[in-house]
Protein backbone atom coordinates (compact mmCIF):
# COMPACT_ATOMS: atom_id res chain seq x y z
CA UNK A 1 -15.93 -0.49 -8.33
CA UNK A 2 -14.46 -1.07 -11.80
CA UNK A 3 -15.29 2.40 -13.16
CA UNK A 4 -15.76 4.43 -10.01
CA UNK A 5 -13.63 7.32 -8.82
CA UNK A 6 -13.09 8.53 -5.23
CA UNK A 7 -14.93 11.57 -3.92
CA UNK A 8 -11.59 13.17 -3.01
CA UNK A 9 -8.23 13.20 -4.73
CA UNK A 10 -6.08 10.45 -3.28
CA UNK A 11 -3.04 12.71 -3.55
CA UNK A 12 -4.77 15.57 -1.72
CA UNK A 13 -5.58 13.20 1.15
CA UNK A 14 -1.95 12.09 1.39
CA UNK A 15 -0.90 15.74 1.50
CA UNK A 16 -3.43 16.63 4.17
CA UNK A 17 -2.43 13.75 6.42
CA UNK A 18 1.32 14.24 6.12
CA UNK A 19 2.18 11.48 3.65
CA UNK A 20 3.19 13.63 0.69
CA UNK A 21 6.91 12.94 1.13
CA UNK A 22 6.68 9.19 1.74
CA UNK A 23 3.98 6.65 1.02
CA UNK A 24 4.48 2.90 1.10
CA UNK A 25 1.25 0.94 1.05
CA UNK A 26 0.34 -2.72 0.82
CA UNK A 27 -3.10 -4.21 0.25
CA UNK A 28 -3.32 -7.91 1.19
CA UNK A 29 -6.23 -10.19 0.27
CA UNK A 30 -6.98 -11.68 3.66
CA UNK A 31 -8.30 -10.47 7.00
CA UNK A 32 -6.34 -12.50 9.57
CA UNK A 33 -4.33 -9.64 11.05
CA UNK A 34 -2.49 -11.86 13.52
CA UNK A 35 -1.35 -14.24 10.78
CA UNK A 36 -0.20 -11.38 8.57
CA UNK A 37 1.67 -9.80 11.49
CA UNK A 38 3.39 -13.12 12.15
CA UNK A 39 4.41 -13.41 8.49
CA UNK A 40 5.94 -9.93 8.74
CA UNK A 41 7.99 -11.07 11.77
CA UNK A 42 6.79 -8.18 13.91
CA UNK A 43 7.74 -7.88 17.55
CA UNK A 44 4.39 -8.93 19.10
CA UNK A 45 5.25 -7.01 22.30
CA UNK A 46 5.29 -3.77 20.30
CA UNK A 47 1.62 -3.97 19.30
CA UNK A 48 -0.34 -0.81 20.04
CA UNK A 49 -3.85 -0.09 18.83
CA UNK A 50 -3.92 3.58 17.93
CA UNK A 51 -5.10 6.20 15.49
CA UNK A 52 -3.15 7.59 12.58
CA UNK A 53 -1.88 10.72 14.36
CA UNK A 54 -0.41 8.70 17.24
CA UNK A 55 1.08 6.21 14.78
CA UNK A 56 2.87 9.05 12.98
CA UNK A 57 4.15 10.48 16.27
CA UNK A 58 5.45 7.15 17.52
CA UNK A 59 7.21 6.32 14.27
CA UNK A 60 9.19 9.56 14.57
CA UNK A 61 10.42 8.38 17.97
CA UNK A 62 11.66 5.00 16.75
CA UNK A 63 13.82 5.21 13.66
CA UNK A 64 15.85 2.02 14.16
CA UNK A 65 13.13 -0.51 13.37
CA UNK A 66 10.53 -0.67 10.63
CA UNK A 67 7.21 0.76 11.84
CA UNK A 68 3.92 -0.35 10.30
CA UNK A 69 0.29 0.56 10.89
CA UNK A 70 -2.06 -2.21 9.79
CA UNK A 71 -5.73 -3.04 9.90
CA UNK A 72 -8.90 -3.74 7.91
CA UNK A 73 -9.20 -1.97 4.58
CA UNK A 74 -12.30 -3.42 2.92
CA UNK A 75 -14.14 -6.72 3.42
CA UNK A 76 -11.55 -9.44 2.90
CA UNK A 77 -8.63 -7.01 2.58
CA UNK A 78 -6.01 -5.78 5.07
CA UNK A 79 -3.85 -2.70 4.56
CA UNK A 80 -0.30 -2.21 5.81
CA UNK A 81 1.08 1.33 5.83
CA UNK A 82 4.86 1.47 6.21
CA UNK A 83 5.64 4.56 8.25
CA UNK A 84 9.40 4.07 8.27
CA UNK A 85 11.74 2.13 6.02
CA UNK A 86 10.52 0.15 3.04
CA UNK A 87 9.40 -3.43 2.71
CA UNK A 88 11.67 -5.94 1.04
CA UNK A 89 10.69 -8.27 -1.77
CA UNK A 90 10.99 -11.11 0.75
CA UNK A 91 8.38 -9.48 3.00
CA UNK A 92 6.02 -8.93 0.08
CA UNK A 93 6.39 -12.54 -1.01
CA UNK A 94 5.76 -13.74 2.55
CA UNK A 95 2.54 -11.75 2.82
CA UNK A 96 1.43 -13.01 -0.58
CA UNK A 97 2.02 -16.66 0.31
CA UNK A 98 -0.72 -19.23 0.84
CA UNK A 99 -2.67 -18.18 -2.25
CA UNK A 100 -3.08 -14.55 -1.16
CA UNK A 101 -2.93 -11.58 -3.51
CA UNK A 102 -0.92 -8.50 -2.63
CA UNK A 103 -0.68 -5.02 -4.15
CA UNK A 104 2.13 -2.57 -3.37
CA UNK A 105 2.74 1.12 -4.09
CA UNK A 106 5.86 3.12 -3.21
CA UNK A 107 6.31 6.89 -3.52
CA UNK A 108 9.32 8.96 -2.41
CA UNK A 109 8.27 12.58 -2.59
CA UNK A 110 11.69 13.90 -1.67
CA UNK A 111 13.13 12.43 -4.85
CA UNK A 112 9.92 12.54 -6.88
CA UNK A 113 10.18 8.79 -7.38
CA UNK A 114 7.11 6.66 -7.96
CA UNK A 115 7.34 2.89 -8.34
CA UNK A 116 4.80 0.73 -10.14
CA UNK A 117 1.63 -0.78 -8.72
CA UNK A 118 2.90 -4.33 -8.27
CA UNK A 119 0.86 -7.49 -7.99
CA UNK A 120 2.07 -10.50 -5.99
CA UNK A 121 0.23 -13.81 -6.00
CA UNK A 122 0.87 -16.95 -3.98
CA UNK A 123 4.29 -15.81 -2.78
CA UNK A 124 5.63 -14.59 -6.13
CA UNK A 125 5.81 -11.30 -8.01
CA UNK A 126 3.42 -11.48 -10.97
CA UNK A 127 4.00 -8.10 -12.68
CA UNK A 128 3.20 -4.41 -12.47
CA UNK A 129 -0.42 -3.60 -13.20
CA UNK A 130 -0.29 0.16 -13.76
CA UNK A 131 -3.02 1.76 -15.86
CA UNK A 132 -1.76 1.96 -19.45
CA UNK A 133 -0.46 5.11 -21.09
CA UNK A 134 -2.87 6.81 -23.48
CA UNK A 135 -2.55 5.07 -26.83
CA UNK A 136 -0.14 2.54 -25.38
CA UNK A 137 -0.25 -1.11 -24.48
CA UNK A 138 -2.87 -2.66 -22.23
CA UNK A 139 -2.47 -3.50 -18.54
CA UNK A 140 0.24 -6.15 -18.31
CA UNK A 141 -2.08 -8.62 -16.53
CA UNK A 142 -5.20 -8.73 -18.76
CA UNK A 143 -7.70 -9.59 -16.02
CA UNK A 144 -6.98 -6.21 -14.38
CA UNK A 145 -7.70 -4.18 -17.52
CA UNK A 146 -11.28 -3.55 -16.37
CA UNK A 147 -10.02 -1.58 -13.36
CA UNK A 148 -8.03 0.87 -15.50
CA UNK A 149 -10.93 2.53 -17.34
CA UNK A 150 -10.55 6.30 -17.21
CA UNK A 151 -7.24 6.09 -15.32
CA UNK A 152 -4.94 6.14 -18.35
CA UNK A 153 -1.55 7.72 -17.72
CA UNK A 154 0.01 10.47 -19.81
CA UNK A 155 3.66 11.35 -20.38
CA UNK A 156 2.92 14.93 -19.27
CA UNK A 157 1.55 13.81 -15.89
CA UNK A 158 3.44 14.63 -12.71
CA UNK A 159 4.42 11.80 -10.38
CA UNK A 160 1.70 12.90 -7.95
CA UNK A 161 -0.97 12.69 -10.66
CA UNK A 162 0.27 9.22 -11.55
CA UNK A 163 0.20 8.24 -7.86
CA UNK A 164 -3.45 9.31 -7.69
CA UNK A 165 -4.20 7.02 -10.64
CA UNK A 166 -2.34 4.08 -9.07
CA UNK A 167 -4.22 4.54 -5.79
CA UNK A 168 -7.50 4.69 -7.68
CA UNK A 169 -6.58 1.44 -9.41
CA UNK A 170 -5.79 -0.19 -6.06
CA UNK A 171 -9.05 1.16 -4.63
CA UNK A 172 -11.09 -0.30 -7.45
CA UNK A 173 -9.43 -3.71 -7.09
CA UNK A 174 -9.87 -3.86 -3.31
CA UNK A 175 -13.28 -2.21 -3.17
CA UNK A 176 -12.24 0.88 -1.22
CA UNK A 177 -10.36 4.09 -1.92
CA UNK A 178 -8.44 5.98 0.75
CA UNK A 179 -10.88 8.26 2.57
CA UNK A 180 -11.23 10.26 5.76
CA UNK A 181 -12.80 7.37 7.65
CA UNK A 182 -9.77 5.28 6.70
CA UNK A 183 -7.45 7.84 8.29
CA UNK A 184 -9.65 8.24 11.39
CA UNK A 185 -9.77 4.53 12.24
CA UNK A 186 -7.74 2.74 14.90
CA UNK A 187 -5.28 0.12 13.67
CA UNK A 188 -2.40 -1.91 15.05
CA UNK A 189 1.02 -0.28 15.21
CA UNK A 190 3.96 -2.71 15.18
CA UNK A 191 7.72 -2.63 15.08
CA UNK A 192 9.55 -5.02 12.80
CA UNK A 193 13.06 -5.42 14.26
CA UNK A 194 15.76 -4.49 11.77
CA UNK A 195 17.39 -7.89 12.18
CA UNK A 196 14.14 -9.80 11.54
CA UNK A 197 14.74 -9.85 7.79
CA UNK A 198 18.51 -9.43 7.71
CA UNK A 199 19.04 -12.99 6.50
CA UNK A 200 16.07 -13.13 4.13
């Protein structure tokens, strides 16, 4: 996967499936969904296995709590899509505990804001691992340099073009890009009560 590219633009897929104004994704190295849900302090009674369309509908009906849609991404990896609110650093560190790796991407289309592709390891933030700018420095964590080939950023790029590159980088690392099968799968929808992380 180090030099591959997806068959479809990652940004075009986000647009098509209604995520062009807000995308918060996490890729966690590990496939124990129940353990990861527990670490996120979800309300276990809120669990609902459903498709993406129903997940989007239900999140619109519950704006008080954090709503996530989580499930298998690629062998050995779980994905968490935050449909409302935004994860805290404490939540990211919790999911990355126990030796796990974690990648995060955040995009706010309303403001045109794109955060870095961040790497967490063993409960701590390591660094951002964005593809480098053309003619610039290398990827900040050298072992991830091999995943950046052909994904170099440019100062003239729009935030959506950069987001495509970050999602390609995440796809190469995890072994799977976002695709139509990904969006058509059933995953677990959970609520994370607002107060669950209020003291974290």
